[in-house]
N, C-alpha and C. Protein backbone atom coordinates (compact mmCIF):
# COMPACT_ATOMS: atom_id res chain seq x y z
N MET A 1 -15.79 8.23 -1.21
CA MET A 1 -16.46 7.21 -1.07
C MET A 1 -16.17 5.98 -1.66
N VAL A 2 -15.85 4.74 -1.30
CA VAL A 2 -15.85 3.81 -2.15
C VAL A 2 -16.87 3.27 -2.76
N PRO A 3 -16.74 2.60 -4.27
CA PRO A 3 -17.95 1.81 -4.69
C PRO A 3 -19.08 0.90 -3.79
N VAL A 4 -20.14 0.93 -4.30
CA VAL A 4 -21.07 0.25 -3.56
C VAL A 4 -20.65 -1.36 -3.62
N ILE A 5 -20.50 -1.77 -4.69
CA ILE A 5 -19.94 -3.17 -4.84
C ILE A 5 -18.63 -3.77 -4.03
N ASP A 6 -17.60 -2.69 -3.92
CA ASP A 6 -16.54 -2.73 -2.90
C ASP A 6 -17.15 -2.79 -1.13
N MET A 7 -18.29 -2.32 -0.93
CA MET A 7 -18.93 -2.36 0.17
C MET A 7 -19.52 -3.59 0.26
N ILE A 8 -20.22 -4.06 -0.58
CA ILE A 8 -21.13 -5.70 -0.43
C ILE A 8 -19.76 -6.60 -0.39
N ASN A 9 -18.91 -6.40 -1.17
CA ASN A 9 -17.63 -7.48 -0.86
C ASN A 9 -16.89 -7.47 0.47
N GLY A 10 -17.29 -6.46 1.24
CA GLY A 10 -16.61 -6.25 2.43
C GLY A 10 -15.47 -5.52 2.70
N TYR A 11 -15.65 -4.36 1.88
CA TYR A 11 -14.22 -3.56 1.99
C TYR A 11 -14.06 -3.00 3.16
N TRP A 12 -13.30 -2.61 4.08
CA TRP A 12 -12.93 -1.93 5.01
C TRP A 12 -13.18 -0.52 4.87
N LEU A 13 -14.09 0.66 5.73
CA LEU A 13 -14.33 1.62 5.71
C LEU A 13 -13.86 2.10 6.97
N LYS A 14 -13.19 3.37 6.78
CA LYS A 14 -12.36 4.19 8.03
C LYS A 14 -13.48 4.87 8.89
N GLY A 15 -14.04 4.83 10.04
CA GLY A 15 -14.90 5.60 10.70
C GLY A 15 -15.43 4.51 11.77
N SER A 16 -17.03 4.90 12.41
CA SER A 16 -17.69 4.41 13.26
C SER A 16 -19.02 4.52 12.81
N PRO A 17 -19.67 3.62 13.37
CA PRO A 17 -21.31 3.64 13.34
C PRO A 17 -21.86 5.35 13.76
N MET A 18 -22.59 5.83 12.97
CA MET A 18 -23.08 7.00 13.06
C MET A 18 -23.92 7.45 14.40
N SER A 19 -23.69 8.45 14.79
CA SER A 19 -24.73 8.76 15.94
C SER A 19 -26.32 8.87 15.90
N LYS A 20 -27.11 8.51 16.29
CA LYS A 20 -28.58 8.40 15.69
C LYS A 20 -29.18 10.00 15.58
N ARG A 21 -28.67 10.51 16.03
CA ARG A 21 -28.91 12.22 15.98
C ARG A 21 -28.15 12.97 14.65
N GLU A 22 -27.57 12.35 13.69
CA GLU A 22 -27.08 12.87 12.77
C GLU A 22 -28.11 13.56 11.66
N GLN A 23 -27.98 14.47 11.31
CA GLN A 23 -29.25 15.46 10.51
C GLN A 23 -28.83 16.49 9.70
N SER A 24 -27.38 16.41 9.67
CA SER A 24 -26.77 17.71 8.61
C SER A 24 -27.03 17.65 7.06
N GLU A 25 -27.44 18.29 6.47
CA GLU A 25 -27.62 18.56 5.03
C GLU A 25 -26.79 18.07 4.36
N GLU A 26 -25.40 17.90 4.67
CA GLU A 26 -24.41 17.22 4.25
C GLU A 26 -24.55 16.00 4.09
N PHE A 27 -25.09 15.43 5.12
CA PHE A 27 -25.08 14.32 5.39
C PHE A 27 -26.14 13.63 4.68
N ILE A 28 -27.19 14.45 4.94
CA ILE A 28 -28.48 13.82 4.03
C ILE A 28 -28.42 14.04 2.48
N ASN A 29 -27.54 14.70 2.42
CA ASN A 29 -27.55 14.71 0.60
C ASN A 29 -26.47 13.29 0.23
N ASP A 30 -25.49 13.41 0.77
CA ASP A 30 -24.59 12.06 0.84
C ASP A 30 -25.32 10.95 0.53
N LEU A 31 -25.99 10.82 1.67
CA LEU A 31 -27.26 9.10 1.92
C LEU A 31 -28.07 9.46 0.86
N ALA A 32 -28.38 10.38 0.50
CA ALA A 32 -29.46 10.18 -0.70
C ALA A 32 -28.75 9.60 -1.78
N ASP A 33 -27.44 10.18 -2.18
CA ASP A 33 -26.63 9.92 -3.10
C ASP A 33 -25.73 8.66 -3.32
N LEU A 34 -25.93 8.13 -2.41
CA LEU A 34 -25.43 6.67 -1.86
C LEU A 34 -26.53 5.98 -2.47
N LEU A 35 -27.55 6.12 -1.82
CA LEU A 35 -28.78 5.21 -1.87
C LEU A 35 -29.25 5.18 -3.22
N ILE A 36 -28.82 6.15 -3.96
CA ILE A 36 -29.36 6.25 -5.42
C ILE A 36 -28.36 5.00 -6.16
N GLU A 37 -27.02 5.22 -5.72
CA GLU A 37 -26.05 4.35 -6.26
C GLU A 37 -26.52 2.84 -5.85
N VAL A 38 -26.64 2.31 -4.63
CA VAL A 38 -27.18 0.97 -4.34
C VAL A 38 -28.22 0.79 -4.96
N HIS A 39 -29.34 1.53 -5.19
CA HIS A 39 -30.55 1.20 -5.64
C HIS A 39 -30.45 0.97 -7.42
N ALA A 40 -29.44 1.71 -7.90
CA ALA A 40 -28.88 1.66 -9.66
C ALA A 40 -28.40 -0.21 -9.84
N ILE A 41 -27.88 -0.43 -8.64
CA ILE A 41 -27.28 -2.05 -8.95
C ILE A 41 -28.48 -2.82 -9.50
N LYS A 42 -27.84 -3.94 -10.70
CA LYS A 42 -28.65 -4.90 -11.14
C LYS A 42 -28.21 -6.32 -11.05
N PRO A 43 -28.97 -7.19 -11.08
CA PRO A 43 -28.16 -8.58 -10.70
C PRO A 43 -27.31 -8.81 -11.36
N GLU A 44 -27.15 -8.68 -12.44
CA GLU A 44 -26.08 -9.07 -13.50
C GLU A 44 -24.38 -8.47 -12.77
N ASN A 45 -24.68 -7.29 -11.98
CA ASN A 45 -23.78 -6.63 -11.31
C ASN A 45 -23.48 -7.43 -10.07
N LEU A 46 -24.13 -8.66 -9.85
CA LEU A 46 -23.79 -9.17 -8.49
C LEU A 46 -23.80 -10.75 -8.63
N ILE A 47 -23.08 -11.35 -7.54
CA ILE A 47 -23.00 -12.80 -7.53
C ILE A 47 -24.38 -13.39 -6.73
N PRO A 48 -25.13 -14.49 -7.28
CA PRO A 48 -26.25 -14.56 -6.44
C PRO A 48 -26.05 -14.58 -5.06
N HIS A 49 -24.98 -15.12 -4.20
CA HIS A 49 -25.34 -15.20 -2.61
C HIS A 49 -25.00 -13.66 -2.11
N GLN A 50 -24.88 -12.62 -2.89
CA GLN A 50 -24.94 -11.46 -2.55
C GLN A 50 -26.09 -10.56 -2.09
N TYR A 51 -27.29 -11.66 -2.19
CA TYR A 51 -28.59 -11.13 -2.25
C TYR A 51 -29.45 -12.00 -1.98
N GLY A 52 -30.41 -11.86 -1.14
CA GLY A 52 -31.67 -12.98 -0.95
C GLY A 52 -32.66 -13.03 -1.74
N SER A 53 -33.78 -13.80 -1.87
CA SER A 53 -34.90 -13.83 -2.55
C SER A 53 -35.66 -12.66 -2.50
N ALA A 54 -36.03 -12.51 -3.52
CA ALA A 54 -37.15 -11.06 -3.88
C ALA A 54 -38.14 -10.76 -2.58
N LEU A 55 -37.76 -9.43 -1.73
CA LEU A 55 -39.00 -9.02 -0.82
C LEU A 55 -40.03 -9.58 -1.26
N SER A 56 -41.20 -10.13 -0.56
CA SER A 56 -42.62 -9.37 -0.86
C SER A 56 -43.14 -9.14 0.36
N MET A 57 -43.56 -7.71 0.51
CA MET A 57 -44.16 -6.93 1.37
C MET A 57 -45.58 -7.64 1.76
N ILE A 58 -46.47 -7.95 0.73
CA ILE A 58 -47.53 -8.67 0.63
C ILE A 58 -47.14 -9.82 1.50
N ALA A 59 -46.35 -10.74 1.67
CA ALA A 59 -46.01 -11.81 1.93
C ALA A 59 -45.75 -11.80 3.56
N VAL A 60 -45.07 -10.37 4.19
CA VAL A 60 -44.71 -9.90 5.28
C VAL A 60 -46.07 -9.68 6.27
N VAL A 61 -46.76 -8.80 5.56
CA VAL A 61 -48.01 -8.64 6.13
C VAL A 61 -49.02 -9.55 6.15
N ASP A 62 -48.94 -10.80 4.97
CA ASP A 62 -50.12 -11.89 5.31
C ASP A 62 -49.66 -12.67 6.15
N LYS A 63 -48.24 -12.91 6.53
CA LYS A 63 -47.78 -13.50 7.81
C LYS A 63 -48.13 -12.90 9.30
N LEU A 64 -47.99 -11.64 8.89
CA LEU A 64 -48.11 -10.63 10.51
C LEU A 64 -49.75 -10.88 10.45
N GLU A 65 -50.63 -10.86 9.73
CA GLU A 65 -52.26 -10.90 10.22
C GLU A 65 -52.32 -12.12 10.37
N LYS A 66 -51.58 -13.48 10.26
CA LYS A 66 -52.17 -14.24 10.46
C LYS A 66 -51.62 -14.75 11.89
N THR A 67 -50.64 -14.06 12.50
CA THR A 67 -50.05 -14.34 13.92
C THR A 67 -50.23 -13.15 14.40
N MET A 68 -51.58 -12.32 14.47
CA MET A 68 -51.51 -11.05 15.41
C MET A 68 -51.90 -11.65 16.74
N ASP A 69 -51.22 -12.17 17.61
CA ASP A 69 -51.96 -12.60 18.91
C ASP A 69 -50.96 -11.51 19.97
N TRP A 70 -51.32 -10.19 19.52
CA TRP A 70 -50.66 -9.43 20.26
C TRP A 70 -50.93 -9.16 22.00
N CYS A 71 -50.00 -8.81 22.74
CA CYS A 71 -50.29 -8.79 24.27
C CYS A 71 -50.50 -7.34 24.43
N GLY A 72 -51.19 -6.72 25.03
CA GLY A 72 -51.74 -5.35 24.93
C GLY A 72 -52.73 -4.69 24.04
N ILE A 73 -53.35 -4.03 24.53
CA ILE A 73 -54.29 -3.45 23.87
C ILE A 73 -54.04 -2.39 22.59
N LYS A 74 -52.79 -1.73 23.23
CA LYS A 74 -52.27 -0.59 22.23
C LYS A 74 -51.62 -0.89 20.89
N PRO A 75 -50.70 -2.19 21.32
CA PRO A 75 -50.10 -2.72 19.99
C PRO A 75 -51.06 -3.34 19.00
N ALA A 76 -51.79 -4.28 19.75
CA ALA A 76 -53.09 -4.74 18.62
C ALA A 76 -53.52 -3.87 17.77
N HIS A 77 -54.01 -2.62 18.30
CA HIS A 77 -54.84 -1.71 17.72
C HIS A 77 -54.21 -1.03 16.80
N PHE A 78 -52.59 -0.74 17.16
CA PHE A 78 -51.32 -0.14 16.16
C PHE A 78 -51.60 -0.87 15.12
N CYS A 79 -51.13 -2.41 15.68
CA CYS A 79 -50.87 -2.91 14.27
C CYS A 79 -52.29 -3.67 13.22
N ARG A 80 -53.24 -3.56 14.10
CA ARG A 80 -54.42 -4.16 12.60
C ARG A 80 -54.18 -2.68 12.04
N GLN A 81 -54.80 -1.52 12.68
CA GLN A 81 -54.42 -0.67 11.67
C GLN A 81 -53.83 -0.34 10.94
N SER A 82 -52.45 -0.46 11.14
CA SER A 82 -51.16 -0.72 10.15
C SER A 82 -51.21 -1.40 8.72
N VAL A 83 -51.77 -2.67 9.21
CA VAL A 83 -52.10 -3.67 8.13
C VAL A 83 -53.08 -3.16 7.00
N ASN A 84 -54.41 -2.57 7.89
CA ASN A 84 -55.11 -1.86 7.24
C ASN A 84 -54.81 -0.91 6.40
N GLU A 85 -53.78 -0.01 6.68
CA GLU A 85 -53.30 1.04 5.86
C GLU A 85 -52.16 0.69 4.84
N PHE A 86 -51.94 -0.13 4.97
CA PHE A 86 -51.03 -1.31 3.94
C PHE A 86 -51.84 -1.75 2.82
N ARG A 87 -52.72 -2.69 3.20
CA ARG A 87 -53.99 -3.06 2.02
C ARG A 87 -54.15 -2.01 1.29
N GLU A 88 -54.25 -0.95 1.77
CA GLU A 88 -54.99 0.22 1.15
C GLU A 88 -53.77 0.83 -0.27
N ILE A 89 -52.69 0.39 0.09
CA ILE A 89 -51.49 0.72 -1.10
C ILE A 89 -50.64 -0.13 -1.59
N GLN A 90 -50.81 -1.38 -1.18
CA GLN A 90 -49.90 -2.39 -1.72
C GLN A 90 -49.94 -2.59 -3.01
N HIS A 91 -50.71 -2.23 -3.68
CA HIS A 91 -50.69 -2.30 -5.43
C HIS A 91 -49.72 -1.59 -5.68
N ASN A 92 -49.20 -0.34 -5.04
CA ASN A 92 -48.28 0.40 -5.93
C ASN A 92 -46.77 -0.32 -5.31
N PHE A 93 -46.59 -1.49 -4.71
CA PHE A 93 -45.01 -1.63 -4.58
C PHE A 93 -44.80 -2.54 -5.61
N THR A 94 -43.30 -2.87 -6.01
CA THR A 94 -42.81 -3.71 -6.93
C THR A 94 -41.73 -4.36 -6.15
N ASN A 95 -40.84 -5.09 -6.72
CA ASN A 95 -39.80 -5.82 -6.08
C ASN A 95 -38.56 -5.73 -7.21
N THR A 96 -38.23 -4.97 -7.68
CA THR A 96 -37.17 -4.92 -8.74
C THR A 96 -36.17 -3.89 -7.95
N THR A 97 -35.68 -3.38 -7.48
CA THR A 97 -34.68 -2.48 -6.98
C THR A 97 -33.87 -3.10 -5.78
N PHE A 98 -32.13 -3.33 -6.01
CA PHE A 98 -31.71 -3.73 -4.97
C PHE A 98 -31.68 -2.89 -3.93
N LEU A 99 -31.91 -3.41 -2.67
CA LEU A 99 -31.93 -2.39 -1.24
C LEU A 99 -30.86 -3.45 -0.37
N HIS A 100 -30.64 -2.40 0.41
CA HIS A 100 -29.33 -2.64 1.58
C HIS A 100 -30.17 -3.83 2.37
N GLY A 101 -31.37 -3.33 2.64
CA GLY A 101 -32.10 -4.10 3.68
C GLY A 101 -32.43 -4.08 5.36
N ASP A 102 -31.23 -3.19 5.55
CA ASP A 102 -31.28 -3.43 7.16
C ASP A 102 -30.23 -1.96 7.57
N LEU A 103 -31.13 -0.62 7.10
CA LEU A 103 -30.65 0.51 7.04
C LEU A 103 -31.05 1.34 8.82
N TRP A 104 -30.30 0.62 9.59
CA TRP A 104 -30.58 1.21 10.97
C TRP A 104 -28.77 2.07 11.07
N TYR A 105 -29.15 3.05 12.45
CA TYR A 105 -27.60 3.62 12.20
C TYR A 105 -26.46 3.21 12.59
N LYS A 106 -26.31 1.69 13.15
CA LYS A 106 -24.88 1.23 13.44
C LYS A 106 -24.60 0.37 12.25
N ASN A 107 -25.52 0.23 10.77
CA ASN A 107 -24.89 0.20 9.68
C ASN A 107 -24.05 0.87 8.98
N VAL A 108 -24.28 2.07 9.13
CA VAL A 108 -24.03 3.57 8.47
C VAL A 108 -22.86 3.98 9.33
N ILE A 109 -21.79 4.22 8.12
CA ILE A 109 -20.12 4.73 9.04
C ILE A 109 -20.12 5.56 8.25
N VAL A 110 -19.58 6.72 9.18
CA VAL A 110 -19.16 7.96 9.43
C VAL A 110 -17.73 8.29 9.97
N ASP A 111 -17.04 9.00 9.27
CA ASP A 111 -15.79 9.43 9.86
C ASP A 111 -15.77 11.03 10.14
N LYS A 112 -15.82 11.35 11.15
CA LYS A 112 -15.56 12.95 11.60
C LYS A 112 -17.35 13.54 10.82
N GLY A 113 -18.21 13.00 10.80
CA GLY A 113 -19.54 13.15 10.42
C GLY A 113 -19.89 13.12 9.20
N ILE A 114 -19.11 12.55 8.24
CA ILE A 114 -18.61 12.69 7.02
C ILE A 114 -19.28 11.02 6.39
N LEU A 115 -20.10 10.99 5.81
CA LEU A 115 -20.94 9.64 5.24
C LEU A 115 -19.75 8.87 4.59
N GLN A 116 -19.30 7.52 5.16
CA GLN A 116 -18.11 6.80 4.40
C GLN A 116 -18.42 5.47 3.60
N GLY A 117 -19.96 4.74 4.28
CA GLY A 117 -20.62 3.84 3.22
C GLY A 117 -21.60 3.24 4.10
N LEU A 118 -21.81 1.89 3.92
CA LEU A 118 -22.79 1.15 4.64
C LEU A 118 -21.76 -0.48 4.98
N ILE A 119 -22.35 -0.80 6.17
CA ILE A 119 -21.80 -2.26 6.17
C ILE A 119 -23.19 -3.35 6.34
N ASP A 120 -22.87 -4.44 6.90
CA ASP A 120 -23.73 -5.32 6.97
C ASP A 120 -24.74 -5.61 5.90
N TRP A 121 -24.21 -6.22 4.87
CA TRP A 121 -25.00 -6.40 3.82
C TRP A 121 -25.98 -8.00 3.42
N ASP A 122 -25.99 -8.53 4.87
CA ASP A 122 -26.81 -10.16 4.76
C ASP A 122 -27.77 -10.02 4.41
N LYS A 123 -28.82 -8.78 4.62
CA LYS A 123 -30.11 -8.83 4.49
C LYS A 123 -30.33 -8.11 2.99
N ALA A 124 -29.12 -7.68 2.05
CA ALA A 124 -29.74 -7.58 0.73
C ALA A 124 -30.48 -8.12 0.11
N GLN A 125 -31.54 -7.28 -0.83
CA GLN A 125 -32.35 -8.23 -1.42
C GLN A 125 -32.93 -7.00 -2.37
N PHE A 126 -33.87 -7.86 -3.32
CA PHE A 126 -34.60 -6.86 -4.52
C PHE A 126 -35.97 -6.68 -3.80
N GLY A 127 -36.71 -5.42 -3.84
CA GLY A 127 -38.03 -5.18 -3.41
C GLY A 127 -38.38 -3.71 -3.50
N ASP A 128 -39.20 -3.19 -3.09
CA ASP A 128 -39.68 -1.78 -3.59
C ASP A 128 -38.68 -0.72 -2.47
N PRO A 129 -38.54 0.35 -3.43
CA PRO A 129 -37.44 1.28 -2.52
C PRO A 129 -37.76 1.64 -1.31
N HIS A 130 -39.20 2.12 -1.24
CA HIS A 130 -39.91 2.10 -0.21
C HIS A 130 -39.33 1.74 1.19
N TRP A 131 -39.55 0.37 0.86
CA TRP A 131 -39.07 -0.35 1.98
C TRP A 131 -37.51 -0.31 2.81
N GLU A 132 -36.98 0.55 1.90
CA GLU A 132 -35.36 0.75 2.28
C GLU A 132 -35.45 1.71 3.45
N PHE A 133 -36.27 2.89 3.09
CA PHE A 133 -36.54 3.73 4.11
C PHE A 133 -37.28 3.60 5.08
N LYS A 134 -37.89 2.52 5.51
CA LYS A 134 -38.31 2.37 6.75
C LYS A 134 -38.01 2.54 7.99
N MET A 135 -37.01 2.74 8.13
CA MET A 135 -35.86 2.84 9.52
C MET A 135 -35.53 4.12 9.56
N ILE A 136 -35.35 4.54 8.49
CA ILE A 136 -34.34 6.14 8.81
C ILE A 136 -34.94 7.06 9.29
N ARG A 137 -36.24 7.47 9.45
CA ARG A 137 -37.02 8.60 10.10
C ARG A 137 -36.75 8.06 11.98
N ARG A 138 -35.95 7.08 11.95
CA ARG A 138 -35.95 7.08 13.31
C ARG A 138 -34.55 7.38 14.21
N TRP A 139 -33.72 7.61 12.86
CA TRP A 139 -32.42 8.05 13.51
C TRP A 139 -32.28 9.32 12.89
N ILE A 140 -32.95 10.27 12.20
CA ILE A 140 -32.75 11.25 11.35
C ILE A 140 -34.07 12.32 11.42
N GLY A 141 -34.92 11.97 11.85
CA GLY A 141 -36.15 12.32 12.38
C GLY A 141 -37.25 12.41 10.99
N TRP A 142 -38.22 13.01 11.32
CA TRP A 142 -39.23 12.82 9.95
C TRP A 142 -39.11 14.11 9.36
N ASP A 143 -38.48 15.27 9.59
CA ASP A 143 -37.87 16.02 8.84
C ASP A 143 -36.58 15.93 8.04
N GLY A 144 -35.78 14.81 8.61
CA GLY A 144 -34.89 14.54 7.80
C GLY A 144 -35.07 13.57 6.95
N LEU A 145 -36.07 13.06 7.06
CA LEU A 145 -36.85 11.75 6.14
C LEU A 145 -37.23 12.69 4.97
N GLU A 146 -37.99 13.62 5.31
CA GLU A 146 -38.58 14.47 3.97
C GLU A 146 -37.70 14.87 2.96
N ARG A 147 -36.42 15.28 3.81
CA ARG A 147 -35.25 16.10 2.86
C ARG A 147 -35.01 15.56 2.26
N LEU A 148 -34.48 14.03 2.78
CA LEU A 148 -33.97 12.76 2.32
C LEU A 148 -34.67 12.25 0.68
N ILE A 149 -36.02 12.10 0.83
CA ILE A 149 -36.81 11.71 0.06
C ILE A 149 -36.88 13.04 -1.26
N PHE A 150 -37.00 14.04 -0.68
CA PHE A 150 -37.25 15.07 -1.74
C PHE A 150 -35.62 15.10 -2.90
N LYS A 151 -34.52 14.79 -1.99
CA LYS A 151 -33.12 14.77 -2.76
C LYS A 151 -33.35 13.66 -3.78
N TYR A 152 -33.39 12.63 -3.18
CA TYR A 152 -33.87 11.04 -4.11
C TYR A 152 -34.83 11.54 -5.05
N ASN A 153 -35.67 11.81 -4.76
CA ASN A 153 -36.79 11.96 -6.21
C ASN A 153 -36.36 13.18 -7.27
N ALA A 154 -35.76 14.21 -6.39
CA ALA A 154 -35.28 15.08 -7.48
C ALA A 154 -33.98 14.64 -8.35
N SER A 155 -33.11 13.73 -7.82
CA SER A 155 -31.90 13.05 -8.36
C SER A 155 -32.39 12.03 -9.47
N THR A 156 -33.80 11.33 -9.12
CA THR A 156 -33.91 10.33 -10.12
C THR A 156 -34.92 10.19 -10.77
N GLY A 157 -35.77 10.83 -10.43
CA GLY A 157 -37.20 11.45 -11.33
C GLY A 157 -38.31 10.55 -10.87
N ALA A 158 -37.97 9.54 -9.60
CA ALA A 158 -38.68 8.36 -8.97
C ALA A 158 -39.85 9.69 -8.02
N ASN A 159 -40.93 9.01 -7.58
CA ASN A 159 -41.97 9.55 -6.72
C ASN A 159 -42.18 8.74 -5.88
N LEU A 160 -41.29 8.40 -4.54
CA LEU A 160 -41.48 8.07 -3.48
C LEU A 160 -42.26 8.80 -2.85
N LYS A 161 -43.45 8.14 -2.00
CA LYS A 161 -44.19 8.94 -1.01
C LYS A 161 -43.75 8.85 0.59
N THR A 162 -43.59 9.84 1.05
CA THR A 162 -43.25 9.53 2.46
C THR A 162 -44.74 8.98 3.46
N ASP A 163 -45.58 9.15 2.96
CA ASP A 163 -47.10 8.49 3.76
C ASP A 163 -46.77 7.27 3.36
N TYR A 164 -46.54 6.63 2.27
CA TYR A 164 -46.05 5.58 1.99
C TYR A 164 -44.95 4.42 3.04
N ILE A 165 -44.28 5.49 3.26
CA ILE A 165 -43.14 5.15 4.17
C ILE A 165 -43.35 4.84 5.72
N ARG A 166 -44.30 5.85 5.88
CA ARG A 166 -44.91 6.00 7.21
C ARG A 166 -45.48 4.55 7.59
N VAL A 167 -46.61 4.18 6.58
CA VAL A 167 -46.90 2.77 6.69
C VAL A 167 -46.25 1.69 6.87
N LEU A 168 -45.06 1.88 6.23
CA LEU A 168 -43.83 0.58 6.19
C LEU A 168 -43.39 0.80 7.28
N ASP A 169 -43.08 1.89 7.90
CA ASP A 169 -42.49 1.91 9.47
C ASP A 169 -42.95 1.21 10.52
N LYS A 170 -44.22 1.79 10.40
CA LYS A 170 -45.51 0.93 11.41
C LYS A 170 -45.57 -0.47 10.90
N ILE A 171 -45.61 -1.30 10.04
CA ILE A 171 -45.42 -2.55 9.50
C ILE A 171 -44.23 -3.28 10.12
N ALA A 172 -42.86 -2.66 10.19
CA ALA A 172 -41.92 -3.25 10.42
C ALA A 172 -41.56 -3.01 11.74
N LEU A 173 -42.38 -2.23 12.76
CA LEU A 173 -42.06 -2.09 14.43
C LEU A 173 -43.32 -3.20 14.54
N CYS A 174 -44.02 -3.44 13.64
CA CYS A 174 -45.35 -4.68 14.21
C CYS A 174 -44.60 -5.89 13.87
N HIS A 175 -43.86 -6.14 12.66
CA HIS A 175 -42.98 -7.21 12.60
C HIS A 175 -42.24 -7.60 13.55
N SER A 176 -41.41 -6.64 14.21
CA SER A 176 -40.12 -6.87 14.92
C SER A 176 -41.05 -7.14 16.21
N TYR A 177 -41.84 -6.70 16.36
CA TYR A 177 -42.68 -6.85 17.84
C TYR A 177 -43.13 -8.43 17.81
N ASN A 178 -43.76 -8.65 16.68
CA ASN A 178 -44.15 -9.89 16.77
C ASN A 178 -43.23 -11.19 16.79
N LEU A 179 -41.91 -11.21 16.27
CA LEU A 179 -40.73 -11.75 16.25
C LEU A 179 -40.29 -12.06 17.51
N ARG A 180 -40.09 -10.86 18.12
CA ARG A 180 -39.63 -11.07 19.55
C ARG A 180 -40.81 -11.55 20.68
N VAL A 181 -41.88 -11.06 20.40
CA VAL A 181 -42.61 -12.25 21.40
C VAL A 181 -42.21 -13.81 21.15
N ARG A 182 -42.14 -13.90 19.59
CA ARG A 182 -41.85 -15.37 19.63
C ARG A 182 -40.52 -16.00 20.03
N LYS A 183 -39.41 -15.06 19.82
CA LYS A 183 -38.36 -15.74 19.36
C LYS A 183 -37.69 -14.18 20.41
N PRO A 184 -37.36 -14.11 21.93
CA PRO A 184 -36.91 -13.35 22.60
C PRO A 184 -35.30 -12.48 22.42
N ASN A 185 -35.18 -11.30 22.02
CA ASN A 185 -33.91 -10.99 21.69
C ASN A 185 -33.45 -10.12 22.65
N ARG A 186 -32.11 -10.41 23.46
CA ARG A 186 -31.81 -9.99 24.60
C ARG A 186 -31.19 -8.41 24.45
N ASP A 187 -30.80 -8.12 23.14
CA ASP A 187 -30.63 -6.68 22.97
C ASP A 187 -31.44 -6.08 22.70
N LYS A 188 -32.46 -6.40 21.99
CA LYS A 188 -33.71 -5.34 22.04
C LYS A 188 -34.93 -6.35 22.43
N PRO A 189 -35.15 -6.29 23.72
CA PRO A 189 -36.59 -6.82 24.43
C PRO A 189 -37.66 -6.48 23.48
N VAL A 190 -38.69 -7.54 23.75
CA VAL A 190 -40.18 -6.82 23.15
C VAL A 190 -40.35 -5.52 23.77
N SER A 191 -40.21 -5.41 24.98
CA SER A 191 -40.77 -4.33 25.52
C SER A 191 -39.95 -2.91 25.02
N VAL A 192 -38.84 -2.97 24.46
CA VAL A 192 -38.19 -1.92 24.09
C VAL A 192 -39.50 -1.59 22.36
N ILE A 193 -39.67 -2.77 21.79
CA ILE A 193 -40.28 -2.31 20.75
C ILE A 193 -41.85 -1.99 20.81
N GLN A 194 -42.14 -2.63 22.11
CA GLN A 194 -43.46 -2.05 22.20
C GLN A 194 -43.57 -0.67 22.86
N GLY A 195 -42.55 -0.04 23.22
CA GLY A 195 -42.19 1.24 23.69
C GLY A 195 -42.34 1.79 22.08
N TYR A 196 -41.64 1.77 21.62
CA TYR A 196 -41.62 2.40 20.31
C TYR A 196 -42.73 2.49 19.72
N ILE A 197 -43.60 1.51 19.62
CA ILE A 197 -45.37 1.41 18.90
C ILE A 197 -46.06 2.40 19.77
N GLN A 198 -45.88 2.15 21.30
CA GLN A 198 -46.57 3.52 21.99
C GLN A 198 -46.39 4.91 21.66
N HIS A 199 -45.29 5.13 21.28
CA HIS A 199 -44.48 6.52 21.38
C HIS A 199 -44.74 7.17 19.88
N TRP A 200 -44.43 5.75 18.89
CA TRP A 200 -45.12 6.63 17.42
C TRP A 200 -45.98 7.63 17.63
N PRO A 201 -45.45 8.38 16.43
CA PRO A 201 -44.34 8.49 15.89
C PRO A 201 -43.15 9.47 15.98
N GLU A 202 -43.08 9.50 17.60
CA GLU A 202 -41.78 10.05 17.96
C GLU A 202 -40.65 9.04 17.38
N SER A 203 -39.54 9.95 17.12
CA SER A 203 -38.69 9.38 16.71
C SER A 203 -37.27 8.96 17.88
N TRP A 204 -36.40 8.21 17.67
CA TRP A 204 -35.37 7.73 18.55
C TRP A 204 -34.78 9.17 19.03
N TRP A 205 -34.19 10.03 17.92
CA TRP A 205 -33.49 10.93 18.47
C TRP A 205 -34.31 12.13 19.39
N GLN A 206 -35.29 11.93 19.15
CA GLN A 206 -36.33 12.96 19.92
C GLN A 206 -36.23 12.76 21.32
N ARG A 207 -36.16 11.75 21.72
CA ARG A 207 -36.28 10.96 23.32
C ARG A 207 -35.02 11.03 23.85
């Protein structure tokens, strides 16, 4: 696997975007190792244009809370509950870790099932490492996420909590829903995000 700095600089990776059903133990171990390398990067190793301003999850939730004009009872209840859950744990988060920032399966490159690296670093920023994992369960499932976090914690001495990631996953879905209500997206219309919310905690690979 090429160094993370080369990935950030746009080094070409052999392979194609992964399948959202990938859950092999080898893949999960390799992904944990890769994210550990990503999260070890310091600002002095980067050029300022290679990352955005520090992510404030509290600011994201503050904005979400002020604009919760949801369409439909289920999204409204889901999102208000998610905000309340976030408020209970928000004091545990920091902004000190370098994050890829957009870990969905189409940004993960594999070749014959073997992890090659990550692409599309335009949302890279410093934030809390829990935020990095918010989307991952959607393509490796909750069991896969548990195994990934176990390997990550065991290798780094960190104490990331799956329960926190579950809350951030819900916040991210609400944020996506809100954005698409205000600015429609043809590739992923608001009805799709609403469906994910209504079926939560089911993962994409289970559908």
